[in-house]
Amino acid sequence: MILAIIVGMALVTMIPRVIPAFIVDKLQFRDWINRWLNAIPYAALGALIFPGILSVVPDQPLIGLLGGVAAVILSFLGLNVILVVIGAIVTVFLLTM
């Protein structure tokens, strides 16, 4: 009985995740919808990162902001993502010393 419940729960969660993978390839969206859909990952990433920037050092949110600014500057210079992250970490580390 428990095995049937586990299999049923797996199917219920798997079906809504698998169906869009097969449908999206066949749909043709308008250009403005494609631009909007392409912007979603950047908006979600910003929403996830920004609160963390403000809470790096709880009493001093300016240090996190300066680390974020360093990351933005390094990314505009065209550096690799790993180097941008390391640069932001080093900036925050040096400011907290």
C-alpha atoms as a PDB file:
ATOM      1  CA  MET A   1       0.000   0.000   0.000  1.00  0.00           C
ATOM      2  CA  ILE A   2       2.768   2.435   0.909  1.00  0.00           C
ATOM      3  CA  LEU A   3       4.608   1.628  -2.326  1.00  0.00           C
ATOM      4  CA  ALA A   4       1.473   2.475  -4.329  1.00  0.00           C
ATOM      5  CA  ILE A   5       1.194   5.808  -2.497  1.00  0.00           C
ATOM      6  CA  ILE A   6       4.844   6.625  -3.233  1.00  0.00           C
ATOM      7  CA  VAL A   7       4.455   5.745  -6.923  1.00  0.00           C
ATOM      8  CA  GLY A   8       1.252   7.786  -7.132  1.00  0.00           C
ATOM      9  CA  MET A   9       2.876  10.798  -5.510  1.00  0.00           C
ATOM     10  CA  ALA A  10       5.860  10.486  -7.865  1.00  0.00           C
ATOM     11  CA  LEU A  11       3.555  10.467 -10.895  1.00  0.00           C
ATOM     12  CA  VAL A  12       1.552  13.416  -9.630  1.00  0.00           C
ATOM     13  CA  THR A  13       4.698  15.515  -9.228  1.00  0.00           C
ATOM     14  CA  MET A  14       6.431  14.233 -12.362  1.00  0.00           C
ATOM     15  CA  ILE A  15       3.618  14.753 -14.887  1.00  0.00           C
ATOM     16  CA  PRO A  16       3.347  18.564 -14.507  1.00  0.00           C
ATOM     17  CA  ARG A  17       7.124  18.842 -14.850  1.00  0.00           C
ATOM     18  CA  VAL A  18       7.523  16.592 -17.887  1.00  0.00           C
ATOM     19  CA  ILE A  19       4.573  17.765 -19.995  1.00  0.00           C
ATOM     20  CA  PRO A  20       5.862  21.346 -20.526  1.00  0.00           C
ATOM     21  CA  ALA A  21       9.188  19.964 -21.765  1.00  0.00           C
ATOM     22  CA  PHE A  22       7.376  18.318 -24.669  1.00  0.00           C
ATOM     23  CA  ILE A  23       4.902  21.127 -25.352  1.00  0.00           C
ATOM     24  CA  VAL A  24       7.252  24.140 -25.321  1.00  0.00           C
ATOM     25  CA  ASP A  25       9.207  22.927 -28.366  1.00  0.00           C
ATOM     26  CA  LYS A  26       6.042  22.878 -30.476  1.00  0.00           C
ATOM     27  CA  LEU A  27       4.762  26.326 -29.453  1.00  0.00           C
ATOM     28  CA  GLN A  28       5.723  29.480 -31.305  1.00  0.00           C
ATOM     29  CA  PHE A  29       5.597  32.605 -29.170  1.00  0.00           C
ATOM     30  CA  ARG A  30       5.569  36.196 -30.319  1.00  0.00           C
ATOM     31  CA  ASP A  31       8.843  38.132 -30.072  1.00  0.00           C
ATOM     32  CA  TRP A  32       7.770  40.229 -27.083  1.00  0.00           C
ATOM     33  CA  ILE A  33       6.793  37.082 -25.163  1.00  0.00           C
ATOM     34  CA  ASN A  34      10.184  35.521 -25.903  1.00  0.00           C
ATOM     35  CA  ARG A  35      11.942  38.666 -24.655  1.00  0.00           C
ATOM     36  CA  TRP A  36       9.809  38.615 -21.506  1.00  0.00           C
ATOM     37  CA  LEU A  37      10.509  34.917 -20.900  1.00  0.00           C
ATOM     38  CA  ASN A  38      14.241  35.462 -21.430  1.00  0.00           C
ATOM     39  CA  ALA A  39      14.253  38.175 -18.730  1.00  0.00           C
ATOM     40  CA  ILE A  40      12.752  35.936 -16.028  1.00  0.00           C
ATOM     41  CA  PRO A  41      16.029  34.216 -14.989  1.00  0.00           C
ATOM     42  CA  TYR A  42      17.774  37.576 -14.521  1.00  0.00           C
ATOM     43  CA  ALA A  43      14.903  38.952 -12.461  1.00  0.00           C
ATOM     44  CA  ALA A  44      14.805  35.832 -10.291  1.00  0.00           C
ATOM     45  CA  LEU A  45      18.565  35.905  -9.822  1.00  0.00           C
ATOM     46  CA  GLY A  46      18.433  39.542  -8.764  1.00  0.00           C
ATOM     47  CA  ALA A  47      15.619  38.828  -6.330  1.00  0.00           C
ATOM     48  CA  LEU A  48      17.639  36.008  -4.780  1.00  0.00           C
ATOM     49  CA  ILE A  49      20.988  37.802  -4.626  1.00  0.00           C
ATOM     50  CA  PHE A  50      20.047  41.316  -3.492  1.00  0.00           C
ATOM     51  CA  PRO A  51      18.767  40.389   0.016  1.00  0.00           C
ATOM     52  CA  GLY A  52      21.957  38.400   0.537  1.00  0.00           C
ATOM     53  CA  ILE A  53      24.047  41.397  -0.435  1.00  0.00           C
ATOM     54  CA  LEU A  54      22.355  43.488   2.221  1.00  0.00           C
ATOM     55  CA  SER A  55      22.847  40.868   4.930  1.00  0.00           C
ATOM     56  CA  VAL A  56      26.514  39.936   4.424  1.00  0.00           C
ATOM     57  CA  VAL A  57      27.494  41.877   7.540  1.00  0.00           C
ATOM     58  CA  PRO A  58      24.261  42.430   9.509  1.00  0.00           C
ATOM     59  CA  ASP A  59      25.327  45.717  11.099  1.00  0.00           C
ATOM     60  CA  GLN A  60      26.955  47.149   7.970  1.00  0.00           C
ATOM     61  CA  PRO A  61      24.905  46.718   4.763  1.00  0.00           C
ATOM     62  CA  LEU A  62      27.269  49.114   2.955  1.00  0.00           C
ATOM     63  CA  ILE A  63      29.969  46.422   2.886  1.00  0.00           C
ATOM     64  CA  GLY A  64      27.677  44.047   1.015  1.00  0.00           C
ATOM     65  CA  LEU A  65      26.639  46.802  -1.369  1.00  0.00           C
ATOM     66  CA  LEU A  66      30.279  47.593  -2.127  1.00  0.00           C
ATOM     67  CA  GLY A  67      30.905  43.907  -2.793  1.00  0.00           C
ATOM     68  CA  GLY A  68      27.938  43.915  -5.179  1.00  0.00           C
ATOM     69  CA  VAL A  69      29.259  47.030  -6.913  1.00  0.00           C
ATOM     70  CA  ALA A  70      32.651  45.337  -7.293  1.00  0.00           C
ATOM     71  CA  ALA A  71      30.918  42.333  -8.871  1.00  0.00           C
ATOM     72  CA  VAL A  72      29.022  44.570 -11.293  1.00  0.00           C
ATOM     73  CA  ILE A  73      32.197  46.409 -12.314  1.00  0.00           C
ATOM     74  CA  LEU A  74      34.114  43.161 -12.814  1.00  0.00           C
ATOM     75  CA  SER A  75      31.300  41.709 -14.880  1.00  0.00           C
ATOM     76  CA  PHE A  76      31.167  44.807 -17.081  1.00  0.00           C
ATOM     77  CA  LEU A  77      34.889  44.316 -17.716  1.00  0.00           C
ATOM     78  CA  GLY A  78      33.969  40.957 -19.220  1.00  0.00           C
ATOM     79  CA  LEU A  79      35.638  38.706 -16.669  1.00  0.00           C
ATOM     80  CA  ASN A  80      34.671  35.100 -16.138  1.00  0.00           C
ATOM     81  CA  VAL A  81      31.853  34.468 -13.640  1.00  0.00           C
ATOM     82  CA  ILE A  82      34.217  32.711 -11.236  1.00  0.00           C
ATOM     83  CA  LEU A  83      36.551  35.712 -11.241  1.00  0.00           C
ATOM     84  CA  VAL A  84      33.621  38.055 -10.619  1.00  0.00           C
ATOM     85  CA  VAL A  85      32.503  36.011  -7.611  1.00  0.00           C
ATOM     86  CA  ILE A  86      36.056  35.784  -6.252  1.00  0.00           C
ATOM     87  CA  GLY A  87      36.487  39.542  -6.731  1.00  0.00           C
ATOM     88  CA  ALA A  88      33.309  40.266  -4.782  1.00  0.00           C
ATOM     89  CA  ILE A  89      34.366  37.894  -2.001  1.00  0.00           C
ATOM     90  CA  VAL A  90      37.815  39.480  -1.773  1.00  0.00           C
ATOM     91  CA  THR A  91      36.261  42.954  -1.704  1.00  0.00           C
ATOM     92  CA  VAL A  92      33.966  42.035   1.188  1.00  0.00           C
ATOM     93  CA  PHE A  93      36.810  40.273   2.985  1.00  0.00           C
ATOM     94  CA  LEU A  94      39.101  43.298   2.715  1.00  0.00           C
ATOM     95  CA  LEU A  95      36.368  45.675   3.854  1.00  0.00           C
ATOM     96  CA  THR A  96      35.588  43.600   6.942  1.00  0.00           C
ATOM     97  CA  MET A  97      39.214  43.480   8.073  1.00  0.00           C
END
